[in-house]
Amino acid sequence: MGHSVCNSGYVFQRLGHALMVFALLGAIGAHWLLLQSVAWTSMLADNLRTSSLTEAVQRTFDGRHPCALCQQIAAGKKSEKRTEFPLTLQKFEFVNATTRFVFAAPADFYLLPQAYPSAESVSRTPPTPPPRLALG
């Protein structure tokens, strides 16, 4: 039987990979790049309605004429808190404490019956010789 796309293990594996990619892209800030690309594209389209290509490109990317989406993206980047973990070295102090381990036997002990037959009850050779593949 061939590999089926409807196989639930395959689907869950692909879904897991997709979620991992989205999580990694979010962790490195790729969502801001995606939003900024959308903002630049819409700005360029708006600027092309009123000016030439070179003027529209210059006005879009000069940074002096941000659109509302660009301003929201900049505010979002600033408000996004980066967690800094300062490295502080501390001296470890070990207390000289003696711990006593006490092992106690259980009060009741039951010997359970074997769940599987012993290895001696299984014969080592098959009752008939194994079939041979006929070639030709």
Protein backbone atom coordinates (compact mmCIF):
# COMPACT_ATOMS: atom_id res chain seq x y z
CA MET A 1 0.00 0.00 0.00
CA GLY A 2 1.39 3.43 -0.96
CA HIS A 3 1.93 6.47 1.22
CA SER A 4 -1.40 8.22 1.75
CA VAL A 5 -1.69 11.95 2.34
CA CYS A 6 -4.67 11.22 4.59
CA ASN A 7 -2.48 9.24 6.96
CA SER A 8 -3.00 10.95 10.33
CA GLY A 9 0.61 10.50 11.40
CA TYR A 10 1.83 12.20 8.25
CA VAL A 11 -0.70 15.02 8.63
CA PHE A 12 0.24 15.62 12.27
CA GLN A 13 3.93 15.57 11.40
CA ARG A 14 3.43 18.17 8.65
CA LEU A 15 1.24 20.27 10.95
CA GLY A 16 3.90 20.11 13.65
CA HIS A 17 6.57 21.23 11.19
CA ALA A 18 4.40 24.13 10.00
CA LEU A 19 3.70 25.25 13.57
CA MET A 20 7.41 25.05 14.37
CA VAL A 21 8.26 27.22 11.36
CA PHE A 22 5.64 29.80 12.37
CA ALA A 23 6.92 29.82 15.96
CA LEU A 24 10.51 30.31 14.83
CA LEU A 25 9.52 33.09 12.42
CA GLY A 26 7.62 34.79 15.22
CA ALA A 27 10.57 34.42 17.57
CA ILE A 28 12.97 36.15 15.17
CA GLY A 29 10.51 38.94 14.35
CA ALA A 30 9.61 37.92 10.81
CA HIS A 31 6.02 39.07 11.39
CA TRP A 32 7.27 42.68 11.49
CA LEU A 33 9.02 42.16 8.16
CA LEU A 34 5.85 40.75 6.64
CA LEU A 35 3.75 43.67 7.91
CA GLN A 36 6.37 46.18 6.75
CA SER A 37 6.38 44.60 3.29
CA VAL A 38 2.59 44.98 3.11
CA ALA A 39 2.88 48.61 4.23
CA TRP A 40 5.59 49.40 1.66
CA THR A 41 3.60 47.74 -1.11
CA SER A 42 0.47 49.72 -0.32
CA MET A 43 2.49 52.95 0.04
CA LEU A 44 4.18 52.37 -3.31
CA ALA A 45 0.82 51.71 -4.97
CA ASP A 46 -0.65 54.88 -3.46
CA ASN A 47 2.38 56.97 -4.44
CA LEU A 48 2.31 55.65 -8.00
CA ARG A 49 -1.17 57.12 -8.43
CA THR A 50 0.13 60.66 -7.99
CA SER A 51 3.77 60.60 -9.09
CA SER A 52 6.31 58.90 -11.35
CA LEU A 53 7.96 55.58 -10.52
CA THR A 54 11.24 57.10 -9.28
CA GLU A 55 9.45 59.68 -7.14
CA ALA A 56 7.07 57.05 -5.77
CA VAL A 57 9.93 54.70 -4.84
CA GLN A 58 11.90 57.55 -3.26
CA ARG A 59 8.88 58.78 -1.28
CA THR A 60 8.01 55.25 -0.15
CA PHE A 61 11.46 54.34 1.15
CA ASP A 62 12.90 57.67 2.35
CA GLY A 63 11.46 57.26 5.86
CA ARG A 64 10.15 60.84 5.99
CA HIS A 65 6.64 59.99 4.77
CA PRO A 66 5.44 56.98 6.81
CA CYS A 67 1.89 55.75 6.36
CA ALA A 68 -0.42 54.87 9.26
CA LEU A 69 0.54 51.19 9.07
CA CYS A 70 4.26 52.07 9.15
CA GLN A 71 3.69 54.17 12.27
CA GLN A 72 1.80 51.33 13.95
CA ILE A 73 4.57 48.88 13.07
CA ALA A 74 7.21 51.21 14.54
CA ALA A 75 5.15 51.62 17.71
CA GLY A 76 4.67 47.86 17.94
CA LYS A 77 8.39 47.20 17.58
CA LYS A 78 9.16 49.72 20.34
CA SER A 79 6.52 48.34 22.69
CA GLU A 80 7.67 44.77 22.15
CA LYS A 81 9.65 43.99 25.23
CA ARG A 82 12.84 42.07 24.78
CA THR A 83 13.65 39.92 27.75
CA GLU A 84 17.26 40.30 28.69
CA PHE A 85 18.77 37.69 30.94
CA PRO A 86 21.77 39.25 32.64
CA LEU A 87 24.46 36.77 33.45
CA THR A 88 25.22 36.96 37.14
CA LEU A 89 27.76 34.59 38.55
CA GLN A 90 27.04 33.40 42.03
CA LYS A 91 29.16 31.42 44.36
CA PHE A 92 27.71 28.02 45.17
CA GLU A 93 27.81 27.15 48.82
CA PHE A 94 27.35 23.54 49.75
CA VAL A 95 26.13 22.71 53.21
CA ASN A 96 27.77 19.71 54.82
CA ALA A 97 24.64 17.80 55.67
CA THR A 98 24.56 14.09 56.28
CA THR A 99 21.55 12.32 54.88
CA ARG A 100 20.61 8.90 56.12
CA PHE A 101 18.82 6.55 53.79
CA VAL A 102 16.65 3.91 55.38
CA PHE A 103 15.39 1.01 53.34
CA ALA A 104 12.39 -0.80 54.77
CA ALA A 105 11.03 -4.09 53.51
CA PRO A 106 7.33 -4.13 52.60
CA ALA A 107 4.98 -5.55 55.22
CA ASP A 108 3.30 -7.96 52.77
CA PHE A 109 4.99 -9.77 49.91
CA TYR A 110 3.12 -11.71 47.23
CA LEU A 111 4.66 -13.80 44.51
CA LEU A 112 2.72 -13.14 41.31
CA PRO A 113 2.10 -15.91 38.76
CA GLN A 114 3.97 -15.75 35.49
CA ALA A 115 2.12 -13.84 32.81
CA TYR A 116 3.97 -15.50 29.91
CA PRO A 117 4.99 -19.10 29.37
CA SER A 118 8.60 -19.87 30.05
CA ALA A 119 11.15 -19.96 27.26
CA GLU A 120 11.62 -23.72 27.68
CA SER A 121 8.04 -24.42 26.55
CA VAL A 122 8.71 -22.91 23.11
CA SER A 123 10.35 -25.31 20.68
CA ARG A 124 13.48 -24.09 18.97
CA THR A 125 12.72 -25.45 15.49
CA PRO A 126 9.61 -24.91 13.42
CA PRO A 127 7.40 -27.98 12.95
CA THR A 128 7.89 -27.93 9.17
CA PRO A 129 10.72 -26.53 7.11
CA PRO A 130 10.13 -22.94 5.99
CA PRO A 131 8.78 -22.50 2.44
CA ARG A 132 11.28 -21.85 -0.30
CA LEU A 133 10.79 -19.22 -2.95
CA ALA A 134 10.54 -20.87 -6.34
CA LEU A 135 12.51 -18.96 -8.94
CA GLY A 136 11.41 -19.28 -12.53
